[in-house]
PDB file of N, CA and C in Angstrom:
ATOM      1  N   MET A   1      19.248 -23.898 -31.691  1.00  0.00           N
ATOM      2  CA  MET A   1      20.240 -23.610 -30.687  1.00  0.00           C
ATOM      3  C   MET A   1      20.201 -22.122 -30.376  1.00  0.00           C
ATOM      4  N   THR A   2      20.289 -21.780 -29.111  1.00  0.00           N
ATOM      5  CA  THR A   2      20.275 -20.389 -28.682  1.00  0.00           C
ATOM      6  C   THR A   2      21.679 -19.996 -28.238  1.00  0.00           C
ATOM      7  N   ALA A   3      22.129 -18.868 -28.728  1.00  0.00           N
ATOM      8  CA  ALA A   3      23.448 -18.373 -28.326  1.00  0.00           C
ATOM      9  C   ALA A   3      23.339 -17.712 -26.960  1.00  0.00           C
ATOM     10  N   ILE A   4      24.291 -17.962 -26.102  1.00  0.00           N
ATOM     11  CA  ILE A   4      24.321 -17.355 -24.777  1.00  0.00           C
ATOM     12  C   ILE A   4      25.453 -16.334 -24.764  1.00  0.00           C
ATOM     13  N   LEU A   5      25.093 -15.116 -24.449  1.00  0.00           N
ATOM     14  CA  LEU A   5      26.097 -14.065 -24.392  1.00  0.00           C
ATOM     15  C   LEU A   5      26.973 -14.241 -23.162  1.00  0.00           C
ATOM     16  N   PRO A   6      28.243 -13.914 -23.273  1.00  0.00           N
ATOM     17  CA  PRO A   6      29.093 -13.975 -22.079  1.00  0.00           C
ATOM     18  C   PRO A   6      28.646 -12.924 -21.066  1.00  0.00           C
ATOM     19  N   GLU A   7      28.847 -13.220 -19.790  1.00  0.00           N
ATOM     20  CA  GLU A   7      28.454 -12.274 -18.755  1.00  0.00           C
ATOM     21  C   GLU A   7      29.321 -11.032 -18.830  1.00  0.00           C
ATOM     22  N   ARG A   8      28.682  -9.901 -18.637  1.00  0.00           N
ATOM     23  CA  ARG A   8      29.408  -8.635 -18.633  1.00  0.00           C
ATOM     24  C   ARG A   8      30.086  -8.444 -17.286  1.00  0.00           C
ATOM     25  N   PRO A   9      31.257  -7.821 -17.272  1.00  0.00           N
ATOM     26  CA  PRO A   9      31.906  -7.558 -15.977  1.00  0.00           C
ATOM     27  C   PRO A   9      31.075  -6.581 -15.142  1.00  0.00           C
ATOM     28  N   THR A  10      31.091  -6.785 -13.836  1.00  0.00           N
ATOM     29  CA  THR A  10      30.394  -5.891 -12.920  1.00  0.00           C
ATOM     30  C   THR A  10      31.385  -5.357 -11.888  1.00  0.00           C
ATOM     31  N   ALA A  11      30.932  -4.406 -11.091  1.00  0.00           N
ATOM     32  CA  ALA A  11      31.787  -3.852 -10.036  1.00  0.00           C
ATOM     33  C   ALA A  11      32.138  -4.918  -9.002  1.00  0.00           C
ATOM     34  N   LEU A  12      31.288  -5.909  -8.836  1.00  0.00           N
ATOM     35  CA  LEU A  12      31.552  -6.970  -7.865  1.00  0.00           C
ATOM     36  C   LEU A  12      32.724  -7.858  -8.286  1.00  0.00           C
ATOM     37  N   ASP A  13      33.045  -7.873  -9.576  1.00  0.00           N
ATOM     38  CA  ASP A  13      34.167  -8.682 -10.052  1.00  0.00           C
ATOM     39  C   ASP A  13      35.504  -8.188  -9.506  1.00  0.00           C
ATOM     40  N   ASN A  14      35.582  -6.928  -9.119  1.00  0.00           N
ATOM     41  CA  ASN A  14      36.830  -6.340  -8.646  1.00  0.00           C
ATOM     42  C   ASN A  14      37.038  -6.483  -7.143  1.00  0.00           C
ATOM     43  N   LEU A  15      36.059  -7.010  -6.437  1.00  0.00           N
ATOM     44  CA  LEU A  15      36.181  -7.162  -4.986  1.00  0.00           C
ATOM     45  C   LEU A  15      37.061  -8.361  -4.651  1.00  0.00           C
ATOM     46  N   PRO A  16      37.827  -8.265  -3.547  1.00  0.00           N
ATOM     47  CA  PRO A  16      38.620  -9.430  -3.143  1.00  0.00           C
ATOM     48  C   PRO A  16      37.700 -10.540  -2.639  1.00  0.00           C
ATOM     49  N   PRO A  17      38.161 -11.787  -2.665  1.00  0.00           N
ATOM     50  CA  PRO A  17      37.311 -12.884  -2.188  1.00  0.00           C
ATOM     51  C   PRO A  17      37.074 -12.786  -0.678  1.00  0.00           C
ATOM     52  N   MET A  18      35.948 -13.301  -0.237  1.00  0.00           N
ATOM     53  CA  MET A  18      35.599 -13.318   1.180  1.00  0.00           C
ATOM     54  C   MET A  18      36.421 -14.402   1.879  1.00  0.00           C
ATOM     55  N   PRO A  19      37.067 -14.087   3.001  1.00  0.00           N
ATOM     56  CA  PRO A  19      37.823 -15.120   3.719  1.00  0.00           C
ATOM     57  C   PRO A  19      36.900 -16.237   4.202  1.00  0.00           C
ATOM     58  N   ALA A  20      37.416 -17.439   4.227  1.00  0.00           N
ATOM     59  CA  ALA A  20      36.615 -18.592   4.650  1.00  0.00           C
ATOM     60  C   ALA A  20      36.206 -18.487   6.115  1.00  0.00           C
ATOM     61  N   THR A  21      36.964 -17.716   6.910  1.00  0.00           N
ATOM     62  CA  THR A  21      36.662 -17.602   8.335  1.00  0.00           C
ATOM     63  C   THR A  21      35.734 -16.429   8.662  1.00  0.00           C
ATOM     64  N   ALA A  22      35.326 -15.677   7.650  1.00  0.00           N
ATOM     65  CA  ALA A  22      34.468 -14.507   7.887  1.00  0.00           C
ATOM     66  C   ALA A  22      33.067 -14.956   8.284  1.00  0.00           C
ATOM     67  N   PRO A  23      32.460 -14.266   9.276  1.00  0.00           N
ATOM     68  CA  PRO A  23      31.085 -14.611   9.649  1.00  0.00           C
ATOM     69  C   PRO A  23      30.126 -14.175   8.540  1.00  0.00           C
ATOM     70  N   PRO A  24      28.991 -14.824   8.407  1.00  0.00           N
ATOM     71  CA  PRO A  24      28.022 -14.407   7.382  1.00  0.00           C
ATOM     72  C   PRO A  24      27.465 -13.029   7.709  1.00  0.00           C
ATOM     73  N   VAL A  25      27.180 -12.267   6.681  1.00  0.00           N
ATOM     74  CA  VAL A  25      26.636 -10.925   6.845  1.00  0.00           C
ATOM     75  C   VAL A  25      25.181 -10.940   6.393  1.00  0.00           C
ATOM     76  N   ILE A  26      24.309 -10.515   7.278  1.00  0.00           N
ATOM     77  CA  ILE A  26      22.894 -10.393   6.938  1.00  0.00           C
ATOM     78  C   ILE A  26      22.527  -8.926   7.100  1.00  0.00           C
ATOM     79  N   LEU A  27      22.065  -8.334   6.025  1.00  0.00           N
ATOM     80  CA  LEU A  27      21.743  -6.917   6.052  1.00  0.00           C
ATOM     81  C   LEU A  27      20.524  -6.646   6.927  1.00  0.00           C
ATOM     82  N   PRO A  28      20.580  -5.587   7.743  1.00  0.00           N
ATOM     83  CA  PRO A  28      19.433  -5.258   8.603  1.00  0.00           C
ATOM     84  C   PRO A  28      18.142  -5.037   7.815  1.00  0.00           C
ATOM     85  N   GLY A  29      18.250  -4.448   6.631  1.00  0.00           N
ATOM     86  CA  GLY A  29      17.055  -4.221   5.816  1.00  0.00           C
ATOM     87  C   GLY A  29      16.384  -5.523   5.404  1.00  0.00           C
ATOM     88  N   LEU A  30      17.193  -6.537   5.137  1.00  0.00           N
ATOM     89  CA  LEU A  30      16.640  -7.841   4.777  1.00  0.00           C
ATOM     90  C   LEU A  30      15.918  -8.464   5.967  1.00  0.00           C
ATOM     91  N   LEU A  31      16.539  -8.378   7.150  1.00  0.00           N
ATOM     92  CA  LEU A  31      15.899  -8.922   8.344  1.00  0.00           C
ATOM     93  C   LEU A  31      14.582  -8.215   8.639  1.00  0.00           C
ATOM     94  N   ALA A  32      14.554  -6.898   8.452  1.00  0.00           N
ATOM     95  CA  ALA A  32      13.317  -6.154   8.689  1.00  0.00           C
ATOM     96  C   ALA A  32      12.274  -6.493   7.630  1.00  0.00           C
ATOM     97  N   ALA A  33      12.717  -6.698   6.391  1.00  0.00           N
ATOM     98  CA  ALA A  33      11.777  -6.981   5.310  1.00  0.00           C
ATOM     99  C   ALA A  33      11.054  -8.306   5.510  1.00  0.00           C
ATOM    100  N   VAL A  34      11.751  -9.285   6.067  1.00  0.00           N
ATOM    101  CA  VAL A  34      11.110 -10.581   6.283  1.00  0.00           C
ATOM    102  C   VAL A  34      10.465 -10.684   7.663  1.00  0.00           C
ATOM    103  N   GLY A  35      10.519  -9.608   8.445  1.00  0.00           N
ATOM    104  CA  GLY A  35       9.826  -9.567   9.724  1.00  0.00           C
ATOM    105  C   GLY A  35      10.574 -10.187  10.881  1.00  0.00           C
ATOM    106  N   VAL A  36      11.884 -10.426  10.726  1.00  0.00           N
ATOM    107  CA  VAL A  36      12.666 -11.008  11.815  1.00  0.00           C
ATOM    108  C   VAL A  36      12.935  -9.959  12.886  1.00  0.00           C
ATOM    109  N   VAL A  37      13.234  -8.745  12.468  1.00  0.00           N
ATOM    110  CA  VAL A  37      13.446  -7.640  13.404  1.00  0.00           C
ATOM    111  C   VAL A  37      12.537  -6.492  13.005  1.00  0.00           C
ATOM    112  N   GLU A  38      12.232  -5.643  13.970  1.00  0.00           N
ATOM    113  CA  GLU A  38      11.392  -4.479  13.685  1.00  0.00           C
ATOM    114  C   GLU A  38      12.262  -3.348  13.146  1.00  0.00           C
ATOM    115  N   ARG A  39      11.725  -2.606  12.219  1.00  0.00           N
ATOM    116  CA  ARG A  39      12.459  -1.487  11.641  1.00  0.00           C
ATOM    117  C   ARG A  39      12.674  -0.419  12.712  1.00  0.00           C
ATOM    118  N   PRO A  40      13.873   0.176  12.761  1.00  0.00           N
ATOM    119  CA  PRO A  40      14.118   1.219  13.753  1.00  0.00           C
ATOM    120  C   PRO A  40      13.382   2.511  13.388  1.00  0.00           C
ATOM    121  N   VAL A  41      12.782   3.127  14.386  1.00  0.00           N
ATOM    122  CA  VAL A  41      12.109   4.413  14.209  1.00  0.00           C
ATOM    123  C   VAL A  41      12.843   5.426  15.079  1.00  0.00           C
ATOM    124  N   PRO A  42      13.385   6.494  14.473  1.00  0.00           N
ATOM    125  CA  PRO A  42      14.096   7.499  15.277  1.00  0.00           C
ATOM    126  C   PRO A  42      13.176   8.103  16.332  1.00  0.00           C
ATOM    127  N   ARG A  43      13.775   8.443  17.459  1.00  0.00           N
ATOM    128  CA  ARG A  43      12.996   9.013  18.575  1.00  0.00           C
ATOM    129  C   ARG A  43      12.368  10.360  18.234  1.00  0.00           C
ATOM    130  N   TRP A  44      12.967  11.086  17.285  1.00  0.00           N
ATOM    131  CA  TRP A  44      12.451  12.418  16.969  1.00  0.00           C
ATOM    132  C   TRP A  44      11.198  12.372  16.112  1.00  0.00           C
ATOM    133  N   ILE A  45      10.801  11.210  15.649  1.00  0.00           N
ATOM    134  CA  ILE A  45       9.561  11.091  14.872  1.00  0.00           C
ATOM    135  C   ILE A  45       8.437  10.785  15.845  1.00  0.00           C
ATOM    136  N   THR A  46       7.441  11.677  15.876  1.00  0.00           N
ATOM    137  CA  THR A  46       6.339  11.520  16.824  1.00  0.00           C
ATOM    138  C   THR A  46       4.986  11.308  16.155  1.00  0.00           C
ATOM    139  N   ASP A  47       4.904  11.526  14.856  1.00  0.00           N
ATOM    140  CA  ASP A  47       3.641  11.365  14.142  1.00  0.00           C
ATOM    141  C   ASP A  47       3.288   9.875  14.065  1.00  0.00           C
ATOM    142  N   PRO A  48       2.168   9.455  14.662  1.00  0.00           N
ATOM    143  CA  PRO A  48       1.808   8.035  14.678  1.00  0.00           C
ATOM    144  C   PRO A  48       1.649   7.433  13.273  1.00  0.00           C
ATOM    145  N   ASP A  49       1.133   8.223  12.329  1.00  0.00           N
ATOM    146  CA  ASP A  49       0.964   7.702  10.973  1.00  0.00           C
ATOM    147  C   ASP A  49       2.312   7.446  10.303  1.00  0.00           C
ATOM    148  N   LEU A  50       3.272   8.352  10.518  1.00  0.00           N
ATOM    149  CA  LEU A  50       4.611   8.176   9.961  1.00  0.00           C
ATOM    150  C   LEU A  50       5.311   6.989  10.619  1.00  0.00           C
ATOM    151  N   ILE A  51       5.147   6.837  11.919  1.00  0.00           N
ATOM    152  CA  ILE A  51       5.734   5.696  12.623  1.00  0.00           C
ATOM    153  C   ILE A  51       5.177   4.394  12.057  1.00  0.00           C
ATOM    154  N   ARG A  52       3.877   4.324  11.852  1.00  0.00           N
ATOM    155  CA  ARG A  52       3.249   3.121  11.295  1.00  0.00           C
ATOM    156  C   ARG A  52       3.773   2.857   9.883  1.00  0.00           C
ATOM    157  N   SER A  53       3.973   3.903   9.075  1.00  0.00           N
ATOM    158  CA  SER A  53       4.492   3.733   7.719  1.00  0.00           C
ATOM    159  C   SER A  53       5.920   3.194   7.738  1.00  0.00           C
ATOM    160  N   ILE A  54       6.717   3.664   8.688  1.00  0.00           N
ATOM    161  CA  ILE A  54       8.092   3.165   8.816  1.00  0.00           C
ATOM    162  C   ILE A  54       8.072   1.699   9.228  1.00  0.00           C
ATOM    163  N   LEU A  55       7.271   1.363  10.223  1.00  0.00           N
ATOM    164  CA  LEU A  55       7.193  -0.012  10.697  1.00  0.00           C
ATOM    165  C   LEU A  55       6.651  -0.956   9.632  1.00  0.00           C
ATOM    166  N   ASP A  56       5.760  -0.462   8.780  1.00  0.00           N
ATOM    167  CA  ASP A  56       5.203  -1.280   7.702  1.00  0.00           C
ATOM    168  C   ASP A  56       6.145  -1.390   6.509  1.00  0.00           C
ATOM    169  N   GLY A  57       7.216  -0.583   6.500  1.00  0.00           N
ATOM    170  CA  GLY A  57       8.189  -0.655   5.416  1.00  0.00           C
ATOM    171  C   GLY A  57       7.909   0.253   4.248  1.00  0.00           C
ATOM    172  N   HIS A  58       6.974   1.195   4.397  1.00  0.00           N
ATOM    173  CA  HIS A  58       6.656   2.104   3.301  1.00  0.00           C
ATOM    174  C   HIS A  58       7.614   3.294   3.233  1.00  0.00           C
ATOM    175  N   VAL A  59       8.256   3.617   4.348  1.00  0.00           N
ATOM    176  CA  VAL A  59       9.176   4.746   4.430  1.00  0.00           C
ATOM    177  C   VAL A  59      10.483   4.250   5.038  1.00  0.00           C
ATOM    178  N   ASP A  60      11.593   4.570   4.380  1.00  0.00           N
ATOM    179  CA  ASP A  60      12.916   4.238   4.925  1.00  0.00           C
ATOM    180  C   ASP A  60      13.557   5.506   5.444  1.00  0.00           C
ATOM    181  N   ILE A  61      14.122   5.439   6.632  1.00  0.00           N
ATOM    182  CA  ILE A  61      14.840   6.556   7.227  1.00  0.00           C
ATOM    183  C   ILE A  61      16.333   6.250   7.111  1.00  0.00           C
ATOM    184  N   PRO A  62      17.113   7.117   6.425  1.00  0.00           N
ATOM    185  CA  PRO A  62      18.553   6.864   6.310  1.00  0.00           C
ATOM    186  C   PRO A  62      19.224   6.820   7.677  1.00  0.00           C
ATOM    187  N   ASP A  63      20.267   6.011   7.786  1.00  0.00           N
ATOM    188  CA  ASP A  63      20.998   5.883   9.049  1.00  0.00           C
ATOM    189  C   ASP A  63      21.563   7.209   9.520  1.00  0.00           C
ATOM    190  N   GLU A  64      21.890   8.106   8.592  1.00  0.00           N
ATOM    191  CA  GLU A  64      22.457   9.398   8.974  1.00  0.00           C
ATOM    192  C   GLU A  64      21.466  10.235   9.799  1.00  0.00           C
ATOM    193  N   LEU A  65      20.171   9.970   9.619  1.00  0.00           N
ATOM    194  CA  LEU A  65      19.153  10.720  10.363  1.00  0.00           C
ATOM    195  C   LEU A  65      18.768  10.030  11.673  1.00  0.00           C
ATOM    196  N   ASN A  66      19.392   8.925  11.958  1.00  0.00           N
ATOM    197  CA  ASN A  66      19.077   8.171  13.164  1.00  0.00           C
ATOM    198  C   ASN A  66      20.377   7.820  13.885  1.00  0.00           C
ATOM    199  N   PRO A  67      21.152   8.820  14.313  1.00  0.00           N
ATOM    200  CA  PRO A  67      22.467   8.545  14.883  1.00  0.00           C
ATOM    201  C   PRO A  67      22.415   7.826  16.239  1.00  0.00           C
ATOM    202  N   GLN A  68      21.351   7.980  16.988  1.00  0.00           N
ATOM    203  CA  GLN A  68      21.251   7.379  18.317  1.00  0.00           C
ATOM    204  C   GLN A  68      20.568   6.027  18.301  1.00  0.00           C
ATOM    205  N   GLY A  69      20.130   5.563  17.163  1.00  0.00           N
ATOM    206  CA  GLY A  69      19.389   4.317  17.096  1.00  0.00           C
ATOM    207  C   GLY A  69      17.936   4.550  17.451  1.00  0.00           C
ATOM    208  N   ALA A  70      17.181   3.495  17.445  1.00  0.00           N
ATOM    209  CA  ALA A  70      15.749   3.632  17.722  1.00  0.00           C
ATOM    210  C   ALA A  70      15.477   3.744  19.205  1.00  0.00           C
TER     211      ALA A  70
END
């Protein structure tokens, strides 16, 4: 017989429950990772190699550096 340790509390345990009427949330990073949407590339980036790296998912640009969107 193997003993199973009780689950440790996490920060998620303190969150209120999601309302039943709330729409599902899909993170943009997840959609980009599976290829549903293209990753946003800020307009101020002009280097083609860097743009390709962003589109391929090798480089993430924080939202704070892309205030106007792609």
